[in-house]
């Protein structure tokens, strides 16, 4: 039995990449900070809650409960999407709660796996190598990218800057106005007081996550220029994602209507 365990352990050591100390430390710090804000009943959290009327706190909790159950086709999470234009503001703890739920959702691991597979198939980041070891390194990088982006852009900076990390679906109006509303969400967001302003949290979160990636990316994929390139790419992907989330209810209704016509 011991011999079998040793063989399996050797196999694991062979395929699991060696992560640099910096990336482990940074990610561990983010995890610890997230868990602290998410799960610990601190005096600061109590003080924050005491400033909110009981009915508002109850409303926020109910809205958050609904958001945490939202999924597209029962698979893709929509935790950070609100259909309410006057949604109650989130507390710091609730911002971390949403970010952690998204970052640790099984879909996030599956998406990182697909991203790693696509990167390997397209022979991106050759410094990672190929085979199982190369795939493991790409998977690690893809998941840490997503995790850091979720925690920084949806929890840390929104908490520090008092901004709401959610996407507020417009839902009505012309196609053009809804399209522009979705695209502009990458640089425009609500403050906790409900007023619209520059989305500093998203911008800074993408740049910070891109900078952290230098700690674990292959040497050929590091540097200041590549940091901003990664931040721009993630921002563009966020705009496309927002467009999809904005129009998904319309797409869903069309699909249901088409299915009913076929069945009839």
C-alpha atoms as a PDB file:
ATOM      1  CA  UNK A   1       0.000   0.000   0.000  1.00  0.00           C
ATOM      2  CA  UNK A   2       2.795   2.372   0.883  1.00  0.00           C
ATOM      3  CA  UNK A   3       4.593   1.571  -2.355  1.00  0.00           C
ATOM      4  CA  UNK A   4       1.517   2.419  -4.404  1.00  0.00           C
ATOM      5  CA  UNK A   5       1.161   5.718  -2.559  1.00  0.00           C
ATOM      6  CA  UNK A   6       4.786   6.596  -3.299  1.00  0.00           C
ATOM      7  CA  UNK A   7       4.313   5.899  -6.999  1.00  0.00           C
ATOM      8  CA  UNK A   8       1.195   8.074  -7.122  1.00  0.00           C
ATOM      9  CA  UNK A   9       2.930  10.858  -5.220  1.00  0.00           C
ATOM     10  CA  UNK A  10       5.850  10.718  -7.623  1.00  0.00           C
ATOM     11  CA  UNK A  11       3.446  11.011 -10.520  1.00  0.00           C
ATOM     12  CA  UNK A  12       1.772  14.013  -8.929  1.00  0.00           C
ATOM     13  CA  UNK A  13       5.106  15.733  -8.322  1.00  0.00           C
ATOM     14  CA  UNK A  14       6.022  15.098 -11.927  1.00  0.00           C
ATOM     15  CA  UNK A  15       2.941  16.751 -13.387  1.00  0.00           C
ATOM     16  CA  UNK A  16       2.039  19.486 -10.905  1.00  0.00           C
ATOM     17  CA  UNK A  17       4.035  22.642 -11.735  1.00  0.00           C
ATOM     18  CA  UNK A  18       6.396  24.317  -9.320  1.00  0.00           C
ATOM     19  CA  UNK A  19       4.732  27.543  -8.334  1.00  0.00           C
ATOM     20  CA  UNK A  20       6.873  30.511  -7.411  1.00  0.00           C
ATOM     21  CA  UNK A  21       6.775  31.630  -3.822  1.00  0.00           C
ATOM     22  CA  UNK A  22       5.488  35.057  -4.839  1.00  0.00           C
ATOM     23  CA  UNK A  23       2.317  33.706  -6.451  1.00  0.00           C
ATOM     24  CA  UNK A  24       1.650  31.405  -3.494  1.00  0.00           C
ATOM     25  CA  UNK A  25       2.089  34.267  -1.030  1.00  0.00           C
ATOM     26  CA  UNK A  26      -0.055  36.712  -3.001  1.00  0.00           C
ATOM     27  CA  UNK A  27      -2.850  34.221  -3.607  1.00  0.00           C
ATOM     28  CA  UNK A  28      -2.761  33.041   0.013  1.00  0.00           C
ATOM     29  CA  UNK A  29      -3.007  36.663   1.147  1.00  0.00           C
ATOM     30  CA  UNK A  30      -6.035  37.231  -1.095  1.00  0.00           C
ATOM     31  CA  UNK A  31      -7.698  34.026   0.127  1.00  0.00           C
ATOM     32  CA  UNK A  32      -7.037  34.938   3.759  1.00  0.00           C
ATOM     33  CA  UNK A  33      -8.317  38.464   3.276  1.00  0.00           C
ATOM     34  CA  UNK A  34     -11.419  37.158   1.489  1.00  0.00           C
ATOM     35  CA  UNK A  35     -12.195  34.574   4.175  1.00  0.00           C
ATOM     36  CA  UNK A  36     -11.686  37.169   6.908  1.00  0.00           C
ATOM     37  CA  UNK A  37     -14.110  39.609   5.293  1.00  0.00           C
ATOM     38  CA  UNK A  38     -16.547  36.874   4.302  1.00  0.00           C
ATOM     39  CA  UNK A  39     -16.846  34.780   7.416  1.00  0.00           C
ATOM     40  CA  UNK A  40     -15.737  36.703  10.474  1.00  0.00           C
ATOM     41  CA  UNK A  41     -18.166  38.807  12.489  1.00  0.00           C
ATOM     42  CA  UNK A  42     -15.905  41.744  13.176  1.00  0.00           C
ATOM     43  CA  UNK A  43     -16.788  44.961  15.040  1.00  0.00           C
ATOM     44  CA  UNK A  44     -16.217  46.920  11.827  1.00  0.00           C
ATOM     45  CA  UNK A  45     -18.732  44.739   9.984  1.00  0.00           C
ATOM     46  CA  UNK A  46     -21.219  45.216  12.828  1.00  0.00           C
ATOM     47  CA  UNK A  47     -20.655  48.955  12.784  1.00  0.00           C
ATOM     48  CA  UNK A  48     -21.256  49.007   9.048  1.00  0.00           C
ATOM     49  CA  UNK A  49     -24.463  47.021   9.438  1.00  0.00           C
ATOM     50  CA  UNK A  50     -25.690  49.296  12.230  1.00  0.00           C
ATOM     51  CA  UNK A  51     -25.668  52.233   9.807  1.00  0.00           C
ATOM     52  CA  UNK A  52     -28.167  50.437   7.561  1.00  0.00           C
ATOM     53  CA  UNK A  53     -31.855  50.390   8.396  1.00  0.00           C
ATOM     54  CA  UNK A  54     -33.129  46.893   9.325  1.00  0.00           C
ATOM     55  CA  UNK A  55     -35.586  46.847   6.409  1.00  0.00           C
ATOM     56  CA  UNK A  56     -32.785  47.786   3.984  1.00  0.00           C
ATOM     57  CA  UNK A  57     -30.502  45.083   5.377  1.00  0.00           C
ATOM     58  CA  UNK A  58     -33.291  42.506   5.032  1.00  0.00           C
ATOM     59  CA  UNK A  59     -33.966  43.628   1.463  1.00  0.00           C
ATOM     60  CA  UNK A  60     -30.271  43.412   0.552  1.00  0.00           C
ATOM     61  CA  UNK A  61     -30.005  39.917   2.018  1.00  0.00           C
ATOM     62  CA  UNK A  62     -33.029  38.726   0.037  1.00  0.00           C
ATOM     63  CA  UNK A  63     -31.774  40.269  -3.215  1.00  0.00           C
ATOM     64  CA  UNK A  64     -28.371  38.674  -2.654  1.00  0.00           C
ATOM     65  CA  UNK A  65     -29.974  35.279  -1.984  1.00  0.00           C
ATOM     66  CA  UNK A  66     -31.763  35.481  -5.348  1.00  0.00           C
ATOM     67  CA  UNK A  67     -28.610  36.601  -7.193  1.00  0.00           C
ATOM     68  CA  UNK A  68     -26.581  33.712  -5.768  1.00  0.00           C
ATOM     69  CA  UNK A  69     -28.995  31.230  -7.350  1.00  0.00           C
ATOM     70  CA  UNK A  70     -28.935  32.732 -10.839  1.00  0.00           C
ATOM     71  CA  UNK A  71     -27.433  30.541 -13.565  1.00  0.00           C
ATOM     72  CA  UNK A  72     -27.660  30.422 -17.336  1.00  0.00           C
ATOM     73  CA  UNK A  73     -28.961  27.027 -18.455  1.00  0.00           C
ATOM     74  CA  UNK A  74     -28.409  25.888 -14.896  1.00  0.00           C
ATOM     75  CA  UNK A  75     -24.618  25.992 -15.388  1.00  0.00           C
ATOM     76  CA  UNK A  76     -23.088  29.429 -16.004  1.00  0.00           C
ATOM     77  CA  UNK A  77     -23.265  31.570 -12.831  1.00  0.00           C
ATOM     78  CA  UNK A  78     -24.902  34.994 -12.904  1.00  0.00           C
ATOM     79  CA  UNK A  79     -24.119  35.870  -9.308  1.00  0.00           C
ATOM     80  CA  UNK A  80     -22.937  39.401 -10.113  1.00  0.00           C
ATOM     81  CA  UNK A  81     -25.944  40.296 -12.259  1.00  0.00           C
ATOM     82  CA  UNK A  82     -28.838  42.378 -10.951  1.00  0.00           C
ATOM     83  CA  UNK A  83     -32.143  42.971 -12.717  1.00  0.00           C
ATOM     84  CA  UNK A  84     -33.059  45.701 -10.241  1.00  0.00           C
ATOM     85  CA  UNK A  85     -32.116  49.262 -11.135  1.00  0.00           C
ATOM     86  CA  UNK A  86     -32.628  50.331  -7.517  1.00  0.00           C
ATOM     87  CA  UNK A  87     -30.954  47.343  -5.863  1.00  0.00           C
ATOM     88  CA  UNK A  88     -29.911  47.888  -2.258  1.00  0.00           C
ATOM     89  CA  UNK A  89     -26.150  48.472  -1.783  1.00  0.00           C
ATOM     90  CA  UNK A  90     -23.923  45.610  -0.658  1.00  0.00           C
ATOM     91  CA  UNK A  91     -21.867  45.609   2.508  1.00  0.00           C
ATOM     92  CA  UNK A  92     -18.141  44.819   2.379  1.00  0.00           C
ATOM     93  CA  UNK A  93     -18.836  41.313   3.634  1.00  0.00           C
ATOM     94  CA  UNK A  94     -21.470  40.752   0.938  1.00  0.00           C
ATOM     95  CA  UNK A  95     -19.092  41.949  -1.796  1.00  0.00           C
ATOM     96  CA  UNK A  96     -16.554  39.364  -0.684  1.00  0.00           C
ATOM     97  CA  UNK A  97     -19.297  36.772  -0.385  1.00  0.00           C
ATOM     98  CA  UNK A  98     -20.271  37.249  -4.032  1.00  0.00           C
ATOM     99  CA  UNK A  99     -16.656  37.306  -5.208  1.00  0.00           C
ATOM    100  CA  UNK A 100     -15.748  34.140  -3.314  1.00  0.00           C
ATOM    101  CA  UNK A 101     -18.856  32.328  -4.532  1.00  0.00           C
ATOM    102  CA  UNK A 102     -17.937  33.141  -8.133  1.00  0.00           C
ATOM    103  CA  UNK A 103     -14.234  32.334  -7.710  1.00  0.00           C
ATOM    104  CA  UNK A 104     -14.876  28.958  -6.049  1.00  0.00           C
ATOM    105  CA  UNK A 105     -17.779  27.886  -8.239  1.00  0.00           C
ATOM    106  CA  UNK A 106     -17.145  24.614 -10.178  1.00  0.00           C
ATOM    107  CA  UNK A 107     -17.738  26.516 -13.417  1.00  0.00           C
ATOM    108  CA  UNK A 108     -14.651  28.652 -12.698  1.00  0.00           C
ATOM    109  CA  UNK A 109     -12.479  25.525 -12.555  1.00  0.00           C
ATOM    110  CA  UNK A 110     -14.090  24.151 -15.721  1.00  0.00           C
ATOM    111  CA  UNK A 111     -13.536  27.466 -17.533  1.00  0.00           C
ATOM    112  CA  UNK A 112      -9.876  27.488 -16.463  1.00  0.00           C
ATOM    113  CA  UNK A 113      -9.523  23.931 -17.774  1.00  0.00           C
ATOM    114  CA  UNK A 114     -10.999  24.891 -21.157  1.00  0.00           C
ATOM    115  CA  UNK A 115      -8.824  28.002 -21.323  1.00  0.00           C
ATOM    116  CA  UNK A 116      -5.731  25.915 -20.566  1.00  0.00           C
ATOM    117  CA  UNK A 117      -6.657  23.360 -23.195  1.00  0.00           C
ATOM    118  CA  UNK A 118      -7.257  26.035 -25.820  1.00  0.00           C
ATOM    119  CA  UNK A 119      -3.971  27.746 -24.953  1.00  0.00           C
ATOM    120  CA  UNK A 120      -2.074  24.496 -25.300  1.00  0.00           C
ATOM    121  CA  UNK A 121      -3.802  23.629 -28.584  1.00  0.00           C
ATOM    122  CA  UNK A 122      -2.903  27.075 -29.975  1.00  0.00           C
ATOM    123  CA  UNK A 123       0.647  26.688 -28.570  1.00  0.00           C
ATOM    124  CA  UNK A 124       0.428  29.854 -26.498  1.00  0.00           C
ATOM    125  CA  UNK A 125       3.050  30.507 -23.795  1.00  0.00           C
ATOM    126  CA  UNK A 126       5.552  27.913 -25.085  1.00  0.00           C
ATOM    127  CA  UNK A 127       7.618  28.497 -21.944  1.00  0.00           C
ATOM    128  CA  UNK A 128       5.132  26.299 -20.075  1.00  0.00           C
ATOM    129  CA  UNK A 129       5.983  23.315 -22.245  1.00  0.00           C
ATOM    130  CA  UNK A 130       3.449  20.752 -23.399  1.00  0.00           C
ATOM    131  CA  UNK A 131       1.961  17.460 -22.314  1.00  0.00           C
ATOM    132  CA  UNK A 132       0.394  17.051 -18.874  1.00  0.00           C
ATOM    133  CA  UNK A 133       2.943  19.309 -17.205  1.00  0.00           C
ATOM    134  CA  UNK A 134       2.360  22.126 -19.688  1.00  0.00           C
ATOM    135  CA  UNK A 135      -1.399  21.759 -19.340  1.00  0.00           C
ATOM    136  CA  UNK A 136      -1.157  21.837 -15.528  1.00  0.00           C
ATOM    137  CA  UNK A 137       0.849  25.059 -15.668  1.00  0.00           C
ATOM    138  CA  UNK A 138      -1.616  26.676 -18.047  1.00  0.00           C
ATOM    139  CA  UNK A 139      -4.536  25.549 -15.893  1.00  0.00           C
ATOM    140  CA  UNK A 140      -2.894  26.988 -12.794  1.00  0.00           C
ATOM    141  CA  UNK A 141      -2.240  30.327 -14.494  1.00  0.00           C
ATOM    142  CA  UNK A 142      -5.763  30.511 -15.943  1.00  0.00           C
ATOM    143  CA  UNK A 143      -7.441  29.790 -12.614  1.00  0.00           C
ATOM    144  CA  UNK A 144      -5.250  32.160 -10.571  1.00  0.00           C
ATOM    145  CA  UNK A 145      -5.921  34.864 -13.179  1.00  0.00           C
ATOM    146  CA  UNK A 146      -9.675  34.387 -12.729  1.00  0.00           C
ATOM    147  CA  UNK A 147      -9.431  34.146  -8.933  1.00  0.00           C
ATOM    148  CA  UNK A 148      -7.295  37.268  -8.556  1.00  0.00           C
ATOM    149  CA  UNK A 149      -9.539  39.187 -10.953  1.00  0.00           C
ATOM    150  CA  UNK A 150     -12.676  38.194  -9.048  1.00  0.00           C
ATOM    151  CA  UNK A 151     -11.291  39.046  -5.619  1.00  0.00           C
ATOM    152  CA  UNK A 152      -9.550  42.274  -6.616  1.00  0.00           C
ATOM    153  CA  UNK A 153     -12.081  43.651  -9.114  1.00  0.00           C
ATOM    154  CA  UNK A 154     -15.272  42.496  -7.389  1.00  0.00           C
ATOM    155  CA  UNK A 155     -14.376  42.693  -3.699  1.00  0.00           C
ATOM    156  CA  UNK A 156     -11.124  44.422  -2.654  1.00  0.00           C
ATOM    157  CA  UNK A 157     -11.315  47.566  -4.792  1.00  0.00           C
ATOM    158  CA  UNK A 158     -15.141  47.894  -4.635  1.00  0.00           C
ATOM    159  CA  UNK A 159     -14.865  47.746  -0.832  1.00  0.00           C
ATOM    160  CA  UNK A 160     -12.047  50.301  -0.676  1.00  0.00           C
ATOM    161  CA  UNK A 161     -13.664  52.633  -3.227  1.00  0.00           C
ATOM    162  CA  UNK A 162     -17.288  52.064  -2.132  1.00  0.00           C
ATOM    163  CA  UNK A 163     -18.428  50.867  -5.536  1.00  0.00           C
ATOM    164  CA  UNK A 164     -20.973  48.212  -6.483  1.00  0.00           C
ATOM    165  CA  UNK A 165     -19.300  45.293  -8.349  1.00  0.00           C
ATOM    166  CA  UNK A 166     -22.501  44.032  -9.956  1.00  0.00           C
ATOM    167  CA  UNK A 167     -23.682  44.434 -13.548  1.00  0.00           C
ATOM    168  CA  UNK A 168     -27.105  46.092 -13.641  1.00  0.00           C
ATOM    169  CA  UNK A 169     -29.012  44.744 -16.609  1.00  0.00           C
ATOM    170  CA  UNK A 170     -30.913  47.473 -18.494  1.00  0.00           C
ATOM    171  CA  UNK A 171     -33.401  45.003 -19.937  1.00  0.00           C
ATOM    172  CA  UNK A 172     -35.491  47.525 -21.887  1.00  0.00           C
ATOM    173  CA  UNK A 173     -34.959  50.131 -24.579  1.00  0.00           C
ATOM    174  CA  UNK A 174     -33.445  49.979 -28.043  1.00  0.00           C
ATOM    175  CA  UNK A 175     -30.818  47.459 -29.045  1.00  0.00           C
ATOM    176  CA  UNK A 176     -28.235  50.238 -29.402  1.00  0.00           C
ATOM    177  CA  UNK A 177     -28.858  51.732 -25.973  1.00  0.00           C
ATOM    178  CA  UNK A 178     -28.676  48.320 -24.308  1.00  0.00           C
ATOM    179  CA  UNK A 179     -25.506  47.473 -26.229  1.00  0.00           C
ATOM    180  CA  UNK A 180     -23.822  50.686 -25.146  1.00  0.00           C
ATOM    181  CA  UNK A 181     -25.011  50.163 -21.567  1.00  0.00           C
ATOM    182  CA  UNK A 182     -23.350  46.732 -21.515  1.00  0.00           C
ATOM    183  CA  UNK A 183     -20.082  47.864 -23.114  1.00  0.00           C
ATOM    184  CA  UNK A 184     -19.821  50.943 -20.895  1.00  0.00           C
ATOM    185  CA  UNK A 185     -20.051  48.790 -17.753  1.00  0.00           C
ATOM    186  CA  UNK A 186     -16.311  48.129 -18.068  1.00  0.00           C
ATOM    187  CA  UNK A 187     -15.586  51.783 -17.266  1.00  0.00           C
ATOM    188  CA  UNK A 188     -18.848  52.907 -15.642  1.00  0.00           C
ATOM    189  CA  UNK A 189     -20.390  51.626 -12.411  1.00  0.00           C
ATOM    190  CA  UNK A 190     -22.547  52.577  -9.463  1.00  0.00           C
ATOM    191  CA  UNK A 191     -21.207  53.849  -6.187  1.00  0.00           C
ATOM    192  CA  UNK A 192     -22.699  52.428  -3.009  1.00  0.00           C
ATOM    193  CA  UNK A 193     -24.840  55.576  -2.852  1.00  0.00           C
ATOM    194  CA  UNK A 194     -26.452  54.682  -6.191  1.00  0.00           C
ATOM    195  CA  UNK A 195     -24.735  57.336  -8.309  1.00  0.00           C
ATOM    196  CA  UNK A 196     -22.960  56.370 -11.530  1.00  0.00           C
ATOM    197  CA  UNK A 197     -19.234  57.051 -11.816  1.00  0.00           C
ATOM    198  CA  UNK A 198     -16.028  55.717 -13.373  1.00  0.00           C
ATOM    199  CA  UNK A 199     -15.546  52.010 -12.741  1.00  0.00           C
ATOM    200  CA  UNK A 200     -12.188  52.427 -11.008  1.00  0.00           C
ATOM    201  CA  UNK A 201     -12.592  49.040  -9.321  1.00  0.00           C
ATOM    202  CA  UNK A 202     -12.743  47.143 -12.605  1.00  0.00           C
ATOM    203  CA  UNK A 203      -9.913  49.109 -14.207  1.00  0.00           C
ATOM    204  CA  UNK A 204      -7.579  48.859 -11.210  1.00  0.00           C
ATOM    205  CA  UNK A 205      -8.544  45.234 -10.582  1.00  0.00           C
ATOM    206  CA  UNK A 206      -7.628  44.204 -14.122  1.00  0.00           C
ATOM    207  CA  UNK A 207      -4.292  46.029 -13.991  1.00  0.00           C
ATOM    208  CA  UNK A 208      -3.454  44.630 -10.535  1.00  0.00           C
ATOM    209  CA  UNK A 209      -4.353  41.078 -11.561  1.00  0.00           C
ATOM    210  CA  UNK A 210      -2.229  41.484 -14.693  1.00  0.00           C
ATOM    211  CA  UNK A 211       0.688  42.661 -12.579  1.00  0.00           C
ATOM    212  CA  UNK A 212       0.376  39.763 -10.146  1.00  0.00           C
ATOM    213  CA  UNK A 213       0.446  37.372 -13.112  1.00  0.00           C
ATOM    214  CA  UNK A 214       4.104  38.301 -13.641  1.00  0.00           C
ATOM    215  CA  UNK A 215       4.889  36.201 -10.560  1.00  0.00           C
ATOM    216  CA  UNK A 216       3.763  32.932 -12.139  1.00  0.00           C
ATOM    217  CA  UNK A 217       3.700  33.439 -15.911  1.00  0.00           C
ATOM    218  CA  UNK A 218       6.465  32.044 -18.098  1.00  0.00           C
ATOM    219  CA  UNK A 219       9.428  34.473 -18.468  1.00  0.00           C
ATOM    220  CA  UNK A 220       8.481  35.205 -22.079  1.00  0.00           C
ATOM    221  CA  UNK A 221       5.036  36.419 -20.924  1.00  0.00           C
ATOM    222  CA  UNK A 222       6.147  38.909 -18.284  1.00  0.00           C
ATOM    223  CA  UNK A 223       6.783  42.643 -18.301  1.00  0.00           C
ATOM    224  CA  UNK A 224       5.009  45.982 -17.921  1.00  0.00           C
ATOM    225  CA  UNK A 225       3.791  46.083 -21.521  1.00  0.00           C
ATOM    226  CA  UNK A 226       2.316  42.590 -21.245  1.00  0.00           C
ATOM    227  CA  UNK A 227       0.691  43.523 -17.923  1.00  0.00           C
ATOM    228  CA  UNK A 228      -1.288  46.313 -19.581  1.00  0.00           C
ATOM    229  CA  UNK A 229      -1.957  44.119 -22.605  1.00  0.00           C
ATOM    230  CA  UNK A 230      -3.474  41.468 -20.328  1.00  0.00           C
ATOM    231  CA  UNK A 231      -5.508  44.131 -18.513  1.00  0.00           C
ATOM    232  CA  UNK A 232      -6.856  45.451 -21.829  1.00  0.00           C
ATOM    233  CA  UNK A 233      -7.697  41.921 -23.012  1.00  0.00           C
ATOM    234  CA  UNK A 234      -9.567  41.101 -19.795  1.00  0.00           C
ATOM    235  CA  UNK A 235     -11.437  44.416 -20.023  1.00  0.00           C
ATOM    236  CA  UNK A 236     -12.480  43.663 -23.608  1.00  0.00           C
ATOM    237  CA  UNK A 237     -13.584  40.178 -22.585  1.00  0.00           C
ATOM    238  CA  UNK A 238     -15.574  41.746 -19.745  1.00  0.00           C
ATOM    239  CA  UNK A 239     -17.373  43.979 -22.240  1.00  0.00           C
ATOM    240  CA  UNK A 240     -18.298  40.975 -24.388  1.00  0.00           C
ATOM    241  CA  UNK A 241     -19.468  39.127 -21.287  1.00  0.00           C
ATOM    242  CA  UNK A 242     -21.639  42.072 -20.267  1.00  0.00           C
ATOM    243  CA  UNK A 243     -23.251  42.116 -23.720  1.00  0.00           C
ATOM    244  CA  UNK A 244     -24.033  38.415 -23.388  1.00  0.00           C
ATOM    245  CA  UNK A 245     -25.526  38.885 -19.907  1.00  0.00           C
ATOM    246  CA  UNK A 246     -27.564  41.865 -21.089  1.00  0.00           C
ATOM    247  CA  UNK A 247     -29.207  40.013 -23.961  1.00  0.00           C
ATOM    248  CA  UNK A 248     -29.354  36.502 -22.519  1.00  0.00           C
ATOM    249  CA  UNK A 249     -33.006  36.844 -21.340  1.00  0.00           C
ATOM    250  CA  UNK A 250     -33.989  37.805 -24.909  1.00  0.00           C
ATOM    251  CA  UNK A 251     -32.019  34.881 -26.347  1.00  0.00           C
ATOM    252  CA  UNK A 252     -33.585  32.535 -23.797  1.00  0.00           C
ATOM    253  CA  UNK A 253     -37.110  33.662 -24.679  1.00  0.00           C
ATOM    254  CA  UNK A 254     -36.404  33.149 -28.383  1.00  0.00           C
ATOM    255  CA  UNK A 255     -35.107  29.649 -27.732  1.00  0.00           C
ATOM    256  CA  UNK A 256     -38.149  28.731 -25.634  1.00  0.00           C
ATOM    257  CA  UNK A 257     -40.513  30.173 -28.232  1.00  0.00           C
ATOM    258  CA  UNK A 258     -38.734  28.266 -31.033  1.00  0.00           C
ATOM    259  CA  UNK A 259     -38.886  25.037 -29.036  1.00  0.00           C
ATOM    260  CA  UNK A 260     -42.622  25.466 -28.435  1.00  0.00           C
ATOM    261  CA  UNK A 261     -43.234  26.012 -32.149  1.00  0.00           C
ATOM    262  CA  UNK A 262     -41.345  22.834 -33.000  1.00  0.00           C
ATOM    263  CA  UNK A 263     -43.240  20.813 -30.396  1.00  0.00           C
ATOM    264  CA  UNK A 264     -46.583  22.137 -31.613  1.00  0.00           C
END
